[in-house]
N, C-alpha and C. Protein backbone atom coordinates (compact mmCIF):
# COMPACT_ATOMS: atom_id res chain seq x y z
N MET A 1 -26.16 83.90 150.33
CA MET A 1 -24.98 83.59 149.44
C MET A 1 -24.95 82.00 149.64
N ASN A 2 -25.24 81.40 150.79
CA ASN A 2 -25.07 79.94 150.94
C ASN A 2 -26.15 79.27 150.07
N ASN A 3 -27.33 79.63 149.97
CA ASN A 3 -28.31 78.94 149.25
C ASN A 3 -28.11 79.03 147.87
N ALA A 4 -27.35 80.25 147.61
CA ALA A 4 -27.27 80.06 145.85
C ALA A 4 -25.86 79.02 145.70
N ARG A 5 -25.05 78.95 146.49
CA ARG A 5 -24.04 78.30 146.10
C ARG A 5 -24.33 76.42 146.18
N LYS A 6 -25.22 76.11 147.10
CA LYS A 6 -26.14 75.08 147.18
C LYS A 6 -26.78 74.88 145.77
N ILE A 7 -27.55 75.57 145.32
CA ILE A 7 -28.27 75.64 143.97
C ILE A 7 -27.37 75.23 142.89
N VAL A 8 -26.17 76.22 142.87
CA VAL A 8 -25.22 75.92 141.72
C VAL A 8 -25.00 74.56 141.87
N TRP A 9 -24.40 73.96 143.26
CA TRP A 9 -23.67 72.56 143.04
C TRP A 9 -24.69 71.57 142.79
N CYS A 10 -26.12 71.72 143.12
CA CYS A 10 -27.08 71.04 142.65
C CYS A 10 -27.31 70.50 141.18
N VAL A 11 -27.40 71.92 140.67
CA VAL A 11 -27.36 72.10 139.08
C VAL A 11 -25.96 71.65 138.41
N LEU A 12 -25.08 71.79 138.89
CA LEU A 12 -23.98 71.18 138.38
C LEU A 12 -23.78 69.72 138.52
N PHE A 13 -24.16 69.23 139.73
CA PHE A 13 -24.35 67.72 140.18
C PHE A 13 -25.35 67.08 139.00
N ILE A 14 -26.63 67.64 138.91
CA ILE A 14 -27.36 67.11 137.89
C ILE A 14 -27.24 66.86 136.50
N PHE A 15 -26.37 68.33 136.15
CA PHE A 15 -25.96 68.18 134.43
C PHE A 15 -24.85 67.11 134.37
N ILE A 16 -23.85 67.14 135.13
CA ILE A 16 -23.20 65.91 135.09
C ILE A 16 -23.61 64.51 135.07
N CYS A 17 -24.52 64.43 135.94
CA CYS A 17 -25.29 62.95 135.99
C CYS A 17 -26.02 62.76 134.85
N CYS A 18 -26.62 63.35 134.17
CA CYS A 18 -27.52 63.55 133.17
C CYS A 18 -26.51 63.45 131.81
N SER A 19 -25.38 64.12 131.95
CA SER A 19 -24.57 63.99 130.47
C SER A 19 -23.92 62.61 130.53
N CYS A 20 -23.65 62.01 131.71
CA CYS A 20 -23.23 60.54 131.45
C CYS A 20 -24.35 59.57 130.93
N VAL A 21 -25.56 59.88 130.85
CA VAL A 21 -26.45 58.63 130.73
C VAL A 21 -26.57 58.83 129.23
N ALA A 22 -26.41 57.92 128.44
CA ALA A 22 -26.85 57.96 126.95
C ALA A 22 -27.60 57.42 126.83
N ALA A 23 -28.55 57.85 125.79
CA ALA A 23 -30.00 57.45 125.37
C ALA A 23 -29.63 56.00 124.62
N LYS A 24 -30.44 55.13 124.76
CA LYS A 24 -30.55 53.72 124.17
C LYS A 24 -31.57 53.73 123.32
N GLU A 25 -31.01 52.92 122.06
CA GLU A 25 -31.93 52.66 120.99
C GLU A 25 -33.34 52.02 121.61
N VAL A 26 -34.18 52.59 121.33
CA VAL A 26 -35.51 51.92 121.49
C VAL A 26 -35.85 50.56 120.45
N HIS A 27 -36.33 49.53 121.12
CA HIS A 27 -36.77 48.38 120.50
C HIS A 27 -38.14 48.06 120.58
N HIS A 28 -38.86 48.01 119.41
CA HIS A 28 -40.15 47.60 119.60
C HIS A 28 -40.69 46.29 119.30
N TYR A 29 -41.07 45.51 120.10
CA TYR A 29 -41.78 44.32 119.93
C TYR A 29 -43.48 44.27 120.14
N VAL A 30 -43.82 43.32 119.46
CA VAL A 30 -45.31 43.29 119.47
C VAL A 30 -45.84 42.03 120.31
N PHE A 31 -46.53 42.24 121.20
CA PHE A 31 -46.73 41.20 122.06
C PHE A 31 -48.23 40.52 121.66
N PHE A 32 -48.27 39.32 121.25
CA PHE A 32 -49.45 38.50 120.42
C PHE A 32 -49.70 37.69 121.63
N ASN A 33 -49.01 37.52 122.86
CA ASN A 33 -49.62 36.29 123.88
C ASN A 33 -49.44 35.01 123.34
N ILE A 34 -50.39 34.16 123.17
CA ILE A 34 -50.60 33.16 122.98
C ILE A 34 -50.82 32.69 121.29
N ASP A 35 -51.57 34.01 120.94
CA ASP A 35 -51.96 34.10 119.21
C ASP A 35 -51.02 33.87 118.50
N ARG A 36 -49.94 33.07 118.40
CA ARG A 36 -48.84 32.96 117.31
C ARG A 36 -49.25 32.87 116.12
N GLN A 37 -50.21 32.65 115.44
CA GLN A 37 -50.82 32.89 114.28
C GLN A 37 -50.78 34.34 113.74
N LYS A 38 -51.06 35.31 114.70
CA LYS A 38 -50.99 36.66 114.18
C LYS A 38 -49.52 37.44 113.93
N ILE A 39 -48.52 36.10 114.01
CA ILE A 39 -47.26 37.02 113.88
C ILE A 39 -46.85 36.82 112.20
N SER A 40 -47.95 36.08 111.36
CA SER A 40 -47.76 36.39 109.63
C SER A 40 -48.44 37.13 109.05
N GLU A 41 -49.32 38.07 110.24
CA GLU A 41 -50.03 39.22 109.41
C GLU A 41 -49.26 40.23 108.84
N PRO A 42 -49.80 40.53 107.50
CA PRO A 42 -48.73 41.69 106.84
C PRO A 42 -48.66 42.80 107.45
N SER A 43 -49.98 43.28 108.64
CA SER A 43 -49.65 44.79 109.29
C SER A 43 -48.42 44.32 110.38
N PHE A 44 -48.10 43.23 110.76
CA PHE A 44 -46.55 43.12 111.39
C PHE A 44 -45.47 42.81 110.78
N ILE A 45 -45.76 41.97 109.81
CA ILE A 45 -44.28 41.84 108.90
C ILE A 45 -43.96 42.92 108.15
N ASP A 46 -44.88 43.70 107.70
CA ASP A 46 -44.24 44.82 107.01
C ASP A 46 -44.10 46.15 107.46
N THR A 47 -43.88 45.87 109.09
CA THR A 47 -43.88 47.34 109.73
C THR A 47 -42.65 47.07 110.17
N LYS A 48 -41.35 48.10 109.53
CA LYS A 48 -39.75 47.81 110.14
C LYS A 48 -39.64 48.28 111.22
N SER A 49 -40.59 49.05 111.79
CA SER A 49 -40.36 49.47 113.08
C SER A 49 -40.66 48.49 114.18
N PHE A 50 -41.18 47.57 113.97
CA PHE A 50 -41.46 46.64 114.49
C PHE A 50 -40.15 45.39 114.64
N GLU A 51 -39.23 45.47 115.62
CA GLU A 51 -38.25 44.54 115.62
C GLU A 51 -38.59 43.10 115.67
N GLY A 52 -39.42 42.88 116.35
CA GLY A 52 -39.73 41.32 116.76
C GLY A 52 -41.20 41.11 117.29
N ALA A 53 -41.20 39.73 117.75
CA ALA A 53 -42.27 39.17 118.46
C ALA A 53 -42.15 39.01 119.89
N GLN A 54 -43.27 39.19 120.49
CA GLN A 54 -43.07 38.53 122.14
C GLN A 54 -44.31 37.39 122.30
N LEU A 55 -43.97 36.46 122.27
CA LEU A 55 -44.67 35.55 122.34
C LEU A 55 -44.78 34.45 123.75
N LYS A 56 -45.94 34.09 124.33
CA LYS A 56 -46.19 33.49 125.43
C LYS A 56 -46.45 31.86 125.15
N TYR A 57 -45.28 31.00 125.67
CA TYR A 57 -45.60 29.72 125.56
C TYR A 57 -45.83 29.13 127.00
N ARG A 58 -46.84 28.38 127.62
CA ARG A 58 -47.23 27.91 128.65
C ARG A 58 -45.92 26.78 128.93
N TRP A 59 -45.63 26.69 129.94
CA TRP A 59 -44.77 25.40 130.29
C TRP A 59 -45.45 23.79 130.19
N ARG A 60 -46.66 23.93 130.34
CA ARG A 60 -47.25 22.63 129.82
C ARG A 60 -47.11 22.38 128.55
N GLU A 61 -46.83 23.08 127.63
CA GLU A 61 -46.97 22.82 126.16
C GLU A 61 -45.46 22.32 125.72
N LEU A 62 -44.56 23.08 126.50
CA LEU A 62 -43.06 22.57 126.44
C LEU A 62 -42.88 21.50 127.14
N GLU A 63 -43.32 21.09 128.00
CA GLU A 63 -43.06 19.94 128.87
C GLU A 63 -44.54 18.91 128.94
N PRO A 64 -45.18 18.59 128.22
CA PRO A 64 -46.36 17.74 127.99
C PRO A 64 -46.42 16.77 129.27
N GLU A 65 -45.04 16.15 129.63
CA GLU A 65 -45.13 14.93 130.32
C GLU A 65 -43.85 15.28 131.06
N LYS A 66 -43.83 14.85 132.36
CA LYS A 66 -42.66 15.30 133.19
C LYS A 66 -41.47 14.42 132.22
N ASP A 67 -40.40 15.58 132.26
CA ASP A 67 -38.96 15.05 131.22
C ASP A 67 -39.23 14.77 130.26
N SER A 68 -40.22 15.25 129.54
CA SER A 68 -40.65 14.88 128.09
C SER A 68 -40.83 16.27 127.56
N TYR A 69 -39.90 17.06 126.98
CA TYR A 69 -39.95 18.42 126.28
C TYR A 69 -40.19 18.13 124.50
N ASP A 70 -40.86 19.23 124.44
CA ASP A 70 -41.27 19.50 123.03
C ASP A 70 -41.35 20.95 122.50
N PHE A 71 -39.94 21.36 122.08
CA PHE A 71 -39.97 23.03 122.03
C PHE A 71 -40.05 23.21 120.26
N SER A 72 -40.75 22.31 119.63
CA SER A 72 -40.89 22.42 118.25
C SER A 72 -41.72 23.89 117.84
N ALA A 73 -42.77 24.30 118.82
CA ALA A 73 -43.51 25.23 118.55
C ALA A 73 -42.56 26.92 118.98
N ILE A 74 -41.67 26.45 119.51
CA ILE A 74 -40.62 27.84 119.57
C ILE A 74 -39.88 27.66 118.17
N ARG A 75 -39.29 26.59 117.79
CA ARG A 75 -38.64 26.50 116.61
C ARG A 75 -39.16 26.78 115.55
N LYS A 76 -40.78 26.56 115.19
CA LYS A 76 -41.18 27.01 114.23
C LYS A 76 -41.34 28.62 114.16
N ASP A 77 -41.90 29.13 115.23
CA ASP A 77 -42.10 30.96 115.49
C ASP A 77 -40.88 31.28 114.97
N PHE A 78 -39.58 30.91 115.65
CA PHE A 78 -38.44 31.50 115.63
C PHE A 78 -38.07 31.30 113.91
N THR A 79 -37.95 30.27 113.51
CA THR A 79 -37.51 30.05 112.13
C THR A 79 -38.55 30.86 111.25
N PHE A 80 -39.69 30.99 111.31
CA PHE A 80 -40.56 32.10 110.68
C PHE A 80 -40.23 33.30 110.78
N LEU A 81 -39.92 33.67 112.07
CA LEU A 81 -39.47 35.30 112.28
C LEU A 81 -38.31 35.68 111.65
N THR A 82 -37.30 34.78 111.78
CA THR A 82 -36.10 35.14 111.33
C THR A 82 -35.80 35.07 109.70
N SER A 83 -36.85 34.37 109.19
CA SER A 83 -37.11 34.25 107.64
C SER A 83 -37.50 35.54 107.20
N LYS A 84 -38.33 36.57 108.20
CA LYS A 84 -38.60 37.52 107.70
C LYS A 84 -38.05 38.98 108.38
N GLY A 85 -37.00 38.66 109.01
CA GLY A 85 -36.08 39.69 109.60
C GLY A 85 -36.30 40.02 110.82
N LYS A 86 -37.16 39.25 111.60
CA LYS A 86 -37.78 39.76 112.85
C LYS A 86 -37.26 38.75 114.06
N LYS A 87 -37.15 39.12 115.51
CA LYS A 87 -36.65 38.64 116.41
C LYS A 87 -37.78 38.26 117.42
N LEU A 88 -37.46 37.07 118.27
CA LEU A 88 -38.07 36.42 118.68
C LEU A 88 -38.12 36.52 120.28
N PHE A 89 -38.95 36.99 120.99
CA PHE A 89 -39.01 37.48 122.55
C PHE A 89 -39.75 36.43 123.37
N ILE A 90 -39.16 35.47 123.93
CA ILE A 90 -39.88 34.33 124.47
C ILE A 90 -40.38 34.71 125.83
N GLN A 91 -41.72 34.25 125.95
CA GLN A 91 -42.22 34.49 127.38
C GLN A 91 -42.78 32.99 128.15
N LEU A 92 -42.01 32.69 128.99
CA LEU A 92 -42.62 31.57 129.55
C LEU A 92 -43.65 31.47 130.80
N GLN A 93 -44.65 30.63 130.69
CA GLN A 93 -45.45 30.89 131.56
C GLN A 93 -45.81 29.60 132.52
N ASP A 94 -45.67 29.61 133.69
CA ASP A 94 -45.74 28.30 134.67
C ASP A 94 -46.88 28.54 135.46
N VAL A 95 -47.61 29.73 135.70
CA VAL A 95 -48.14 29.97 136.50
C VAL A 95 -49.94 30.70 135.78
N SER A 96 -50.88 30.61 136.26
CA SER A 96 -51.73 31.82 135.72
C SER A 96 -52.91 32.11 136.94
N PHE A 97 -53.39 33.22 137.01
CA PHE A 97 -54.17 33.44 137.94
C PHE A 97 -55.84 33.11 137.39
N ASP A 98 -55.84 32.55 135.89
CA ASP A 98 -57.03 32.14 135.37
C ASP A 98 -56.96 30.73 135.81
N GLN A 99 -58.04 30.35 136.48
CA GLN A 99 -58.39 28.99 137.18
C GLN A 99 -58.35 27.89 136.00
N GLY A 100 -58.82 28.33 134.86
CA GLY A 100 -58.87 27.31 133.72
C GLY A 100 -57.66 27.28 132.86
N VAL A 101 -56.61 27.96 133.47
CA VAL A 101 -55.40 27.62 132.54
C VAL A 101 -54.33 26.85 133.54
N GLU A 102 -53.98 25.72 132.85
CA GLU A 102 -52.82 24.78 133.79
C GLU A 102 -51.61 25.50 133.10
N GLY A 103 -50.51 25.67 134.19
CA GLY A 103 -49.30 26.17 133.72
C GLY A 103 -48.33 25.09 133.52
N ILE A 104 -48.11 24.04 134.24
CA ILE A 104 -47.33 22.97 134.12
C ILE A 104 -48.01 21.73 133.96
N CYS A 105 -47.12 20.72 133.60
CA CYS A 105 -47.87 19.42 133.31
C CYS A 105 -48.15 18.57 134.80
N ASN A 106 -49.03 17.29 134.25
CA ASN A 106 -49.60 17.07 135.48
C ASN A 106 -48.54 16.26 136.25
N GLY A 107 -47.54 15.85 135.77
CA GLY A 107 -46.48 15.15 136.76
C GLY A 107 -45.68 16.40 137.41
N LEU A 108 -45.71 17.32 137.40
CA LEU A 108 -44.99 18.22 138.45
C LEU A 108 -46.03 18.91 139.06
N SER A 109 -47.51 19.41 138.71
CA SER A 109 -48.33 20.07 139.94
C SER A 109 -48.09 19.21 141.09
N GLN A 110 -48.41 20.31 141.83
CA GLN A 110 -48.71 19.82 143.69
C GLN A 110 -50.02 19.90 144.07
N SER A 111 -50.97 19.22 143.60
CA SER A 111 -52.17 19.61 144.26
C SER A 111 -52.55 18.67 145.43
């Protein structure tokens, strides 16, 4: 009888916990990495279930020189996507495992 009581309490606890958790709406973003030109492809733009695009911006392109910022690429992508009813998810990259990719500008690197 004691084991049955424990099982009932466990099931009741799980039921109460699960009923409190509401399912959230799923949002679909397509990751284009640094291939920003692909956001204009009809297969993305015309797919209503895609809420937006996730684009990677390297810190080096946003700050080409120390204390000199250029956000024109973000503005351009944001303007284009909003004109098509899409959202922009920004990913900033300041480091990379790829030796050929420099994440930050020369003025900030610590070599």
